[in-house]
């Protein structure tokens, strides 16, 4: 997957290809812009999942 973009959660850098260790990578993404937005997307997903879990607990 060398043509895919990744977000490195340790460094905050966006990388083209599988450069970093898998544990540090978020992705893959088709574009650099998508990878740059990874922290936002992760927060959105976490918030949505927490809301879903809270709803299930009711």
PDB file of N, CA and C in Angstrom:
ATOM      1  N   UNK A   1       0.821  -1.188   0.000  1.00  0.00           N
ATOM      2  CA  UNK A   1       0.000   0.000   0.000  1.00  0.00           C
ATOM      3  C   UNK A   1       0.870   1.259   0.000  1.00  0.00           C
ATOM      4  N   UNK A   2       1.801   1.298  -0.874  1.00  0.00           N
ATOM      5  CA  UNK A   2       2.698   2.447  -0.915  1.00  0.00           C
ATOM      6  C   UNK A   2       2.043   3.680  -1.510  1.00  0.00           C
ATOM      7  N   UNK A   3       0.888   3.502  -2.157  1.00  0.00           N
ATOM      8  CA  UNK A   3       0.221   4.654  -2.756  1.00  0.00           C
ATOM      9  C   UNK A   3      -0.857   5.223  -1.847  1.00  0.00           C
ATOM     10  N   UNK A   4      -0.905   4.788  -0.618  1.00  0.00           N
ATOM     11  CA  UNK A   4      -1.895   5.262   0.344  1.00  0.00           C
ATOM     12  C   UNK A   4      -1.229   6.174   1.373  1.00  0.00           C
ATOM     13  N   UNK A   5      -2.029   7.052   1.941  1.00  0.00           N
ATOM     14  CA  UNK A   5      -1.559   7.996   2.954  1.00  0.00           C
ATOM     15  C   UNK A   5      -1.916   7.482   4.336  1.00  0.00           C
ATOM     16  N   UNK A   6      -1.068   7.763   5.294  1.00  0.00           N
ATOM     17  CA  UNK A   6      -1.247   7.331   6.677  1.00  0.00           C
ATOM     18  C   UNK A   6      -0.997   8.507   7.607  1.00  0.00           C
ATOM     19  N   UNK A   7      -1.642   8.473   8.755  1.00  0.00           N
ATOM     20  CA  UNK A   7      -1.398   9.467   9.804  1.00  0.00           C
ATOM     21  C   UNK A   7      -0.621   8.768  10.907  1.00  0.00           C
ATOM     22  N   UNK A   8       0.502   9.348  11.295  1.00  0.00           N
ATOM     23  CA  UNK A   8       1.316   8.786  12.369  1.00  0.00           C
ATOM     24  C   UNK A   8       0.840   9.399  13.684  1.00  0.00           C
ATOM     25  N   UNK A   9       0.235   8.577  14.529  1.00  0.00           N
ATOM     26  CA  UNK A   9      -0.348   9.080  15.777  1.00  0.00           C
ATOM     27  C   UNK A   9       0.707   9.471  16.805  1.00  0.00           C
ATOM     28  N   UNK A  10       1.930   8.988  16.667  1.00  0.00           N
ATOM     29  CA  UNK A  10       2.991   9.357  17.602  1.00  0.00           C
ATOM     30  C   UNK A  10       3.596  10.714  17.255  1.00  0.00           C
ATOM     31  N   UNK A  11       3.849  10.921  15.961  1.00  0.00           N
ATOM     32  CA  UNK A  11       4.526  12.154  15.541  1.00  0.00           C
ATOM     33  C   UNK A  11       3.567  13.235  15.053  1.00  0.00           C
ATOM     34  N   UNK A  12       2.342  12.842  14.672  1.00  0.00           N
ATOM     35  CA  UNK A  12       1.402  13.802  14.109  1.00  0.00           C
ATOM     36  C   UNK A  12       1.678  14.107  12.643  1.00  0.00           C
ATOM     37  N   UNK A  13       2.574  13.355  12.037  1.00  0.00           N
ATOM     38  CA  UNK A  13       2.938  13.567  10.638  1.00  0.00           C
ATOM     39  C   UNK A  13       2.089  12.701   9.718  1.00  0.00           C
ATOM     40  N   UNK A  14       1.912  13.173   8.492  1.00  0.00           N
ATOM     41  CA  UNK A  14       1.247  12.407   7.446  1.00  0.00           C
ATOM     42  C   UNK A  14       2.338  11.785   6.587  1.00  0.00           C
ATOM     43  N   UNK A  15       2.154  10.517   6.236  1.00  0.00           N
ATOM     44  CA  UNK A  15       3.186   9.779   5.501  1.00  0.00           C
ATOM     45  C   UNK A  15       2.584   9.094   4.284  1.00  0.00           C
ATOM     46  N   UNK A  16       3.332   9.056   3.214  1.00  0.00           N
ATOM     47  CA  UNK A  16       2.937   8.329   2.011  1.00  0.00           C
ATOM     48  C   UNK A  16       3.592   6.956   2.067  1.00  0.00           C
ATOM     49  N   UNK A  17       2.783   5.925   2.190  1.00  0.00           N
ATOM     50  CA  UNK A  17       3.294   4.566   2.298  1.00  0.00           C
ATOM     51  C   UNK A  17       3.434   4.141   3.747  1.00  0.00           C
ATOM     52  N   UNK A  18       3.709   2.869   3.923  1.00  0.00           N
ATOM     53  CA  UNK A  18       3.811   2.286   5.262  1.00  0.00           C
ATOM     54  C   UNK A  18       5.211   2.512   5.833  1.00  0.00           C
ATOM     55  N   UNK A  19       5.482   3.738   6.247  1.00  0.00           N
ATOM     56  CA  UNK A  19       6.800   4.113   6.733  1.00  0.00           C
ATOM     57  C   UNK A  19       6.967   3.761   8.210  1.00  0.00           C
ATOM     58  N   UNK A  20       6.001   4.120   9.014  1.00  0.00           N
ATOM     59  CA  UNK A  20       6.081   3.930  10.464  1.00  0.00           C
ATOM     60  C   UNK A  20       5.612   2.538  10.860  1.00  0.00           C
ATOM     61  N   UNK A  21       5.846   2.206  12.123  1.00  0.00           N
ATOM     62  CA  UNK A  21       5.352   0.950  12.669  1.00  0.00           C
ATOM     63  C   UNK A  21       3.831   0.936  12.609  1.00  0.00           C
ATOM     64  N   UNK A  22       3.261  -0.219  12.386  1.00  0.00           N
ATOM     65  CA  UNK A  22       1.809  -0.355  12.244  1.00  0.00           C
ATOM     66  C   UNK A  22       1.063   0.192  13.459  1.00  0.00           C
ATOM     67  N   UNK A  23       1.603   0.026  14.646  1.00  0.00           N
ATOM     68  CA  UNK A  23       0.930   0.474  15.870  1.00  0.00           C
ATOM     69  C   UNK A  23       0.766   1.990  15.908  1.00  0.00           C
ATOM     70  N   UNK A  24       1.604   2.699  15.154  1.00  0.00           N
ATOM     71  CA  UNK A  24       1.576   4.170  15.147  1.00  0.00           C
ATOM     72  C   UNK A  24       0.774   4.746  13.988  1.00  0.00           C
ATOM     73  N   UNK A  25       0.346   3.891  13.049  1.00  0.00           N
ATOM     74  CA  UNK A  25      -0.311   4.375  11.834  1.00  0.00           C
ATOM     75  C   UNK A  25      -1.824   4.313  11.939  1.00  0.00           C
ATOM     76  N   UNK A  26      -2.472   5.341  11.415  1.00  0.00           N
ATOM     77  CA  UNK A  26      -3.923   5.367  11.246  1.00  0.00           C
ATOM     78  C   UNK A  26      -4.167   5.503   9.751  1.00  0.00           C
ATOM     79  N   UNK A  27      -5.015   4.661   9.228  1.00  0.00           N
ATOM     80  CA  UNK A  27      -5.314   4.712   7.807  1.00  0.00           C
ATOM     81  C   UNK A  27      -5.543   3.325   7.273  1.00  0.00           C
ATOM     82  N   UNK A  28      -5.470   3.154   5.998  1.00  0.00           N
ATOM     83  CA  UNK A  28      -4.959   4.074   4.987  1.00  0.00           C
ATOM     84  C   UNK A  28      -6.019   5.065   4.503  1.00  0.00           C
ATOM     85  N   UNK A  29      -5.539   6.125   3.888  1.00  0.00           N
ATOM     86  CA  UNK A  29      -6.385   7.149   3.299  1.00  0.00           C
ATOM     87  C   UNK A  29      -5.987   7.310   1.833  1.00  0.00           C
ATOM     88  N   UNK A  30      -6.948   7.692   1.009  1.00  0.00           N
ATOM     89  CA  UNK A  30      -6.675   7.870  -0.414  1.00  0.00           C
ATOM     90  C   UNK A  30      -5.939   9.166  -0.713  1.00  0.00           C
ATOM     91  N   UNK A  31      -6.142  10.178   0.127  1.00  0.00           N
ATOM     92  CA  UNK A  31      -5.510  11.473  -0.135  1.00  0.00           C
ATOM     93  C   UNK A  31      -4.776  11.980   1.108  1.00  0.00           C
ATOM     94  N   UNK A  32      -3.850  12.872   0.876  1.00  0.00           N
ATOM     95  CA  UNK A  32      -3.124  13.502   1.978  1.00  0.00           C
ATOM     96  C   UNK A  32      -4.088  14.289   2.869  1.00  0.00           C
ATOM     97  N   UNK A  33      -5.046  14.975   2.255  1.00  0.00           N
ATOM     98  CA  UNK A  33      -6.006  15.783   3.013  1.00  0.00           C
ATOM     99  C   UNK A  33      -6.815  14.913   3.975  1.00  0.00           C
ATOM    100  N   UNK A  34      -7.217  13.740   3.528  1.00  0.00           N
ATOM    101  CA  UNK A  34      -7.948  12.825   4.408  1.00  0.00           C
ATOM    102  C   UNK A  34      -7.076  12.395   5.585  1.00  0.00           C
ATOM    103  N   UNK A  35      -5.821  12.087   5.315  1.00  0.00           N
ATOM    104  CA  UNK A  35      -4.907  11.667   6.378  1.00  0.00           C
ATOM    105  C   UNK A  35      -4.669  12.801   7.368  1.00  0.00           C
ATOM    106  N   UNK A  36      -4.574  14.023   6.875  1.00  0.00           N
ATOM    107  CA  UNK A  36      -4.375  15.183   7.757  1.00  0.00           C
ATOM    108  C   UNK A  36      -5.569  15.387   8.681  1.00  0.00           C
ATOM    109  N   UNK A  37      -6.721  14.940   8.262  1.00  0.00           N
ATOM    110  CA  UNK A  37      -7.941  15.094   9.051  1.00  0.00           C
ATOM    111  C   UNK A  37      -8.152  13.924  10.020  1.00  0.00           C
ATOM    112  N   UNK A  38      -7.241  12.975  10.059  1.00  0.00           N
ATOM    113  CA  UNK A  38      -7.388  11.772  10.887  1.00  0.00           C
ATOM    114  C   UNK A  38      -7.682  12.074  12.358  1.00  0.00           C
ATOM    115  N   UNK A  39      -6.981  13.003  13.016  1.00  0.00           N
ATOM    116  CA  UNK A  39      -7.293  13.253  14.431  1.00  0.00           C
ATOM    117  C   UNK A  39      -8.741  13.701  14.639  1.00  0.00           C
ATOM    118  N   UNK A  40      -9.219  14.561  13.739  1.00  0.00           N
ATOM    119  CA  UNK A  40     -10.614  15.009  13.818  1.00  0.00           C
ATOM    120  C   UNK A  40     -11.563  13.839  13.657  1.00  0.00           C
ATOM    121  N   UNK A  41     -11.292  13.000  12.665  1.00  0.00           N
ATOM    122  CA  UNK A  41     -12.141  11.848  12.371  1.00  0.00           C
ATOM    123  C   UNK A  41     -12.153  10.881  13.552  1.00  0.00           C
ATOM    124  N   UNK A  42     -10.997  10.675  14.167  1.00  0.00           N
ATOM    125  CA  UNK A  42     -10.924   9.789  15.332  1.00  0.00           C
ATOM    126  C   UNK A  42     -11.765  10.336  16.480  1.00  0.00           C
ATOM    127  N   UNK A  43     -11.703  11.634  16.708  1.00  0.00           N
ATOM    128  CA  UNK A  43     -12.518  12.246  17.763  1.00  0.00           C
ATOM    129  C   UNK A  43     -14.002  12.130  17.461  1.00  0.00           C
ATOM    130  N   UNK A  44     -14.363  12.353  16.206  1.00  0.00           N
ATOM    131  CA  UNK A  44     -15.768  12.223  15.803  1.00  0.00           C
ATOM    132  C   UNK A  44     -16.262  10.798  16.032  1.00  0.00           C
ATOM    133  N   UNK A  45     -15.463   9.822  15.616  1.00  0.00           N
ATOM    134  CA  UNK A  45     -15.844   8.420  15.794  1.00  0.00           C
ATOM    135  C   UNK A  45     -15.972   8.074  17.269  1.00  0.00           C
ATOM    136  N   UNK A  46     -15.023   8.499  18.078  1.00  0.00           N
ATOM    137  CA  UNK A  46     -15.063   8.203  19.517  1.00  0.00           C
ATOM    138  C   UNK A  46     -16.304   8.806  20.165  1.00  0.00           C
ATOM    139  N   UNK A  47     -16.632  10.022  19.788  1.00  0.00           N
ATOM    140  CA  UNK A  47     -17.820  10.683  20.325  1.00  0.00           C
ATOM    141  C   UNK A  47     -19.087   9.934  19.906  1.00  0.00           C
ATOM    142  N   UNK A  48     -19.159   9.563  18.637  1.00  0.00           N
ATOM    143  CA  UNK A  48     -20.325   8.834  18.133  1.00  0.00           C
ATOM    144  C   UNK A  48     -20.473   7.477  18.830  1.00  0.00           C
ATOM    145  N   UNK A  49     -19.366   6.756  18.995  1.00  0.00           N
ATOM    146  CA  UNK A  49     -19.421   5.448  19.653  1.00  0.00           C
ATOM    147  C   UNK A  49     -19.826   5.585  21.109  1.00  0.00           C
ATOM    148  N   UNK A  50     -19.333   6.612  21.780  1.00  0.00           N
ATOM    149  CA  UNK A  50     -19.714   6.830  23.186  1.00  0.00           C
ATOM    150  C   UNK A  50     -21.206   7.125  23.288  1.00  0.00           C
ATOM    151  N   UNK A  51     -21.721   7.919  22.360  1.00  0.00           N
ATOM    152  CA  UNK A  51     -23.158   8.227  22.354  1.00  0.00           C
ATOM    153  C   UNK A  51     -23.977   6.966  22.096  1.00  0.00           C
ATOM    154  N   UNK A  52     -23.516   6.129  21.162  1.00  0.00           N
ATOM    155  CA  UNK A  52     -24.221   4.886  20.859  1.00  0.00           C
ATOM    156  C   UNK A  52     -24.227   3.963  22.072  1.00  0.00           C
ATOM    157  N   UNK A  53     -23.086   3.848  22.746  1.00  0.00           N
ATOM    158  CA  UNK A  53     -23.005   2.997  23.937  1.00  0.00           C
ATOM    159  C   UNK A  53     -23.905   3.509  25.036  1.00  0.00           C
ATOM    160  N   UNK A  54     -23.934   4.827  25.235  1.00  0.00           N
ATOM    161  CA  UNK A  54     -24.784   5.416  26.261  1.00  0.00           C
ATOM    162  C   UNK A  54     -26.250   5.143  25.936  1.00  0.00           C
ATOM    163  N   UNK A  55     -26.598   5.207  24.675  1.00  0.00           N
ATOM    164  CA  UNK A  55     -27.976   4.936  24.250  1.00  0.00           C
ATOM    165  C   UNK A  55     -28.330   3.470  24.500  1.00  0.00           C
ATOM    166  N   UNK A  56     -27.391   2.565  24.235  1.00  0.00           N
ATOM    167  CA  UNK A  56     -27.631   1.143  24.475  1.00  0.00           C
ATOM    168  C   UNK A  56     -27.795   0.831  25.957  1.00  0.00           C
ATOM    169  N   UNK A  57     -27.140   1.596  26.805  1.00  0.00           N
ATOM    170  CA  UNK A  57     -27.200   1.363  28.249  1.00  0.00           C
ATOM    171  C   UNK A  57     -28.511   1.832  28.865  1.00  0.00           C
ATOM    172  N   UNK A  58     -29.284   2.579  28.117  1.00  0.00           N
ATOM    173  CA  UNK A  58     -30.547   3.105  28.657  1.00  0.00           C
ATOM    174  C   UNK A  58     -31.623   2.070  28.636  1.00  0.00           C
TER     175      UNK A  58
END
